[in-house]
């Protein structure tokens, strides 16, 4: 079980986009990186490949380090560290360190 998953709302706490919020689009667990919607935008110069692809300068999100983001708790609405708790039924869940509510 990991602390940040796809579709979580996160706050960027370091780097050029500090203070921005966005949803996690993709997680690369082995590299400890993730892609956040609207954060760390880069420009790619694309050549036309197939008939349907657009050529030119395309702006897209690049991956950022997991340590540079903090998950935003759904119940208290604050950036929080993540803990883990085992429920009575045996399931392991993520827990907000601020308000002690389940995040899953």
C-alpha atoms as a PDB file:
ATOM      1  CA  UNK A   1       0.000   0.000   0.000  1.00  0.00           C
ATOM      2  CA  UNK A   2       1.334   3.415  -0.955  1.00  0.00           C
ATOM      3  CA  UNK A   3       0.706   6.875   0.406  1.00  0.00           C
ATOM      4  CA  UNK A   4      -0.325   8.652  -2.809  1.00  0.00           C
ATOM      5  CA  UNK A   5      -2.536   7.064  -5.449  1.00  0.00           C
ATOM      6  CA  UNK A   6      -4.086   8.029  -8.755  1.00  0.00           C
ATOM      7  CA  UNK A   7      -6.939  10.605  -8.556  1.00  0.00           C
ATOM      8  CA  UNK A   8      -5.766  11.963  -5.168  1.00  0.00           C
ATOM      9  CA  UNK A   9      -5.784  15.746  -4.757  1.00  0.00           C
ATOM     10  CA  UNK A  10      -2.281  16.966  -3.897  1.00  0.00           C
ATOM     11  CA  UNK A  11      -0.547  20.252  -3.074  1.00  0.00           C
ATOM     12  CA  UNK A  12       2.920  20.983  -4.485  1.00  0.00           C
ATOM     13  CA  UNK A  13       5.185  22.036  -1.599  1.00  0.00           C
ATOM     14  CA  UNK A  14       8.508  22.520  -3.426  1.00  0.00           C
ATOM     15  CA  UNK A  15       9.779  23.636  -6.810  1.00  0.00           C
ATOM     16  CA  UNK A  16       8.693  26.183  -9.387  1.00  0.00           C
ATOM     17  CA  UNK A  17       5.006  25.244  -9.008  1.00  0.00           C
ATOM     18  CA  UNK A  18       4.910  25.504  -5.198  1.00  0.00           C
ATOM     19  CA  UNK A  19       1.402  26.233  -3.922  1.00  0.00           C
ATOM     20  CA  UNK A  20      -0.452  24.719  -6.890  1.00  0.00           C
ATOM     21  CA  UNK A  21      -3.021  21.975  -6.431  1.00  0.00           C
ATOM     22  CA  UNK A  22      -3.968  19.243  -8.850  1.00  0.00           C
ATOM     23  CA  UNK A  23      -5.151  15.701  -9.264  1.00  0.00           C
ATOM     24  CA  UNK A  24      -2.666  12.879  -9.661  1.00  0.00           C
ATOM     25  CA  UNK A  25      -2.894  11.496 -13.185  1.00  0.00           C
ATOM     26  CA  UNK A  26      -0.212   8.831 -13.099  1.00  0.00           C
ATOM     27  CA  UNK A  27       2.119   7.284 -10.516  1.00  0.00           C
ATOM     28  CA  UNK A  28       5.534   5.787 -11.295  1.00  0.00           C
ATOM     29  CA  UNK A  29       6.277   3.775  -8.159  1.00  0.00           C
ATOM     30  CA  UNK A  30       9.770   2.549  -9.029  1.00  0.00           C
ATOM     31  CA  UNK A  31      11.024   6.050  -9.826  1.00  0.00           C
ATOM     32  CA  UNK A  32       9.126   7.656  -6.874  1.00  0.00           C
ATOM     33  CA  UNK A  33       7.573  10.150  -9.295  1.00  0.00           C
ATOM     34  CA  UNK A  34       4.065  11.162 -10.290  1.00  0.00           C
ATOM     35  CA  UNK A  35       2.278  13.307 -12.854  1.00  0.00           C
ATOM     36  CA  UNK A  36      -0.032  16.014 -11.481  1.00  0.00           C
ATOM     37  CA  UNK A  37      -2.641  17.700 -13.675  1.00  0.00           C
ATOM     38  CA  UNK A  38      -1.610  21.265 -14.599  1.00  0.00           C
ATOM     39  CA  UNK A  39       1.735  21.131 -12.744  1.00  0.00           C
ATOM     40  CA  UNK A  40       5.307  21.061 -14.110  1.00  0.00           C
ATOM     41  CA  UNK A  41       4.296  21.900 -17.685  1.00  0.00           C
ATOM     42  CA  UNK A  42       6.926  21.312 -20.379  1.00  0.00           C
ATOM     43  CA  UNK A  43       6.959  21.955 -24.110  1.00  0.00           C
ATOM     44  CA  UNK A  44       7.630  19.103 -26.521  1.00  0.00           C
ATOM     45  CA  UNK A  45       8.479  19.682 -30.176  1.00  0.00           C
ATOM     46  CA  UNK A  46       6.534  16.926 -31.904  1.00  0.00           C
ATOM     47  CA  UNK A  47       6.956  15.720 -35.469  1.00  0.00           C
ATOM     48  CA  UNK A  48       3.845  14.399 -37.225  1.00  0.00           C
ATOM     49  CA  UNK A  49       3.844  10.584 -36.963  1.00  0.00           C
ATOM     50  CA  UNK A  50       0.551   9.160 -38.141  1.00  0.00           C
ATOM     51  CA  UNK A  51      -2.285  10.838 -40.014  1.00  0.00           C
ATOM     52  CA  UNK A  52      -4.185  11.882 -36.878  1.00  0.00           C
ATOM     53  CA  UNK A  53      -1.377  13.249 -34.700  1.00  0.00           C
ATOM     54  CA  UNK A  54      -0.821  16.984 -34.322  1.00  0.00           C
ATOM     55  CA  UNK A  55       2.637  18.367 -35.074  1.00  0.00           C
ATOM     56  CA  UNK A  56       4.239  21.416 -33.482  1.00  0.00           C
ATOM     57  CA  UNK A  57       4.973  22.526 -29.951  1.00  0.00           C
ATOM     58  CA  UNK A  58       2.780  20.638 -27.485  1.00  0.00           C
ATOM     59  CA  UNK A  59       2.536  21.533 -23.800  1.00  0.00           C
ATOM     60  CA  UNK A  60       2.155  18.636 -21.369  1.00  0.00           C
ATOM     61  CA  UNK A  61       2.793  17.660 -17.754  1.00  0.00           C
ATOM     62  CA  UNK A  62       6.087  16.133 -16.685  1.00  0.00           C
ATOM     63  CA  UNK A  63       6.627  13.869 -13.674  1.00  0.00           C
ATOM     64  CA  UNK A  64       7.668  15.362 -10.329  1.00  0.00           C
ATOM     65  CA  UNK A  65       9.168  13.802  -7.232  1.00  0.00           C
ATOM     66  CA  UNK A  66       6.705  12.314  -4.721  1.00  0.00           C
ATOM     67  CA  UNK A  67       8.498  14.098  -1.863  1.00  0.00           C
ATOM     68  CA  UNK A  68       7.539  17.473  -3.403  1.00  0.00           C
ATOM     69  CA  UNK A  69       3.791  16.956  -2.910  1.00  0.00           C
ATOM     70  CA  UNK A  70       1.443  16.564   0.051  1.00  0.00           C
ATOM     71  CA  UNK A  71      -1.928  14.877  -0.153  1.00  0.00           C
ATOM     72  CA  UNK A  72      -4.960  17.010   0.710  1.00  0.00           C
ATOM     73  CA  UNK A  73      -7.362  15.334   3.135  1.00  0.00           C
ATOM     74  CA  UNK A  74     -10.970  15.085   1.903  1.00  0.00           C
ATOM     75  CA  UNK A  75     -12.493  15.501   5.358  1.00  0.00           C
ATOM     76  CA  UNK A  76     -10.471  18.391   6.843  1.00  0.00           C
ATOM     77  CA  UNK A  77      -9.329  19.968   3.532  1.00  0.00           C
ATOM     78  CA  UNK A  78      -5.759  20.508   4.722  1.00  0.00           C
ATOM     79  CA  UNK A  79      -2.465  19.164   3.381  1.00  0.00           C
ATOM     80  CA  UNK A  80      -1.599  16.188   5.555  1.00  0.00           C
ATOM     81  CA  UNK A  81       0.889  13.456   6.120  1.00  0.00           C
ATOM     82  CA  UNK A  82      -0.425   9.938   5.631  1.00  0.00           C
ATOM     83  CA  UNK A  83      -0.502   7.173   8.195  1.00  0.00           C
ATOM     84  CA  UNK A  84      -1.901   3.668   8.039  1.00  0.00           C
ATOM     85  CA  UNK A  85      -4.433   1.859  10.197  1.00  0.00           C
ATOM     86  CA  UNK A  86      -5.798  -1.667  10.122  1.00  0.00           C
ATOM     87  CA  UNK A  87      -9.586  -1.707  10.400  1.00  0.00           C
ATOM     88  CA  UNK A  88     -11.395  -4.303  12.532  1.00  0.00           C
ATOM     89  CA  UNK A  89     -12.333  -6.205   9.365  1.00  0.00           C
ATOM     90  CA  UNK A  90      -8.605  -6.589   8.555  1.00  0.00           C
ATOM     91  CA  UNK A  91      -8.358  -4.018   5.750  1.00  0.00           C
ATOM     92  CA  UNK A  92      -5.417  -1.613   5.775  1.00  0.00           C
ATOM     93  CA  UNK A  93      -6.397   2.013   5.067  1.00  0.00           C
ATOM     94  CA  UNK A  94      -4.691   5.378   4.740  1.00  0.00           C
ATOM     95  CA  UNK A  95      -5.322   7.814   7.591  1.00  0.00           C
ATOM     96  CA  UNK A  96      -4.960  11.616   7.786  1.00  0.00           C
ATOM     97  CA  UNK A  97      -2.438  12.603  10.470  1.00  0.00           C
ATOM     98  CA  UNK A  98      -4.317  15.868  11.184  1.00  0.00           C
ATOM     99  CA  UNK A  99      -7.887  14.677  11.770  1.00  0.00           C
ATOM    100  CA  UNK A 100      -7.408  10.871  12.059  1.00  0.00           C
ATOM    101  CA  UNK A 101     -10.100  10.197   9.426  1.00  0.00           C
ATOM    102  CA  UNK A 102      -9.811   7.513   6.740  1.00  0.00           C
ATOM    103  CA  UNK A 103      -8.677   8.773   3.334  1.00  0.00           C
ATOM    104  CA  UNK A 104      -9.910   5.795   1.317  1.00  0.00           C
END
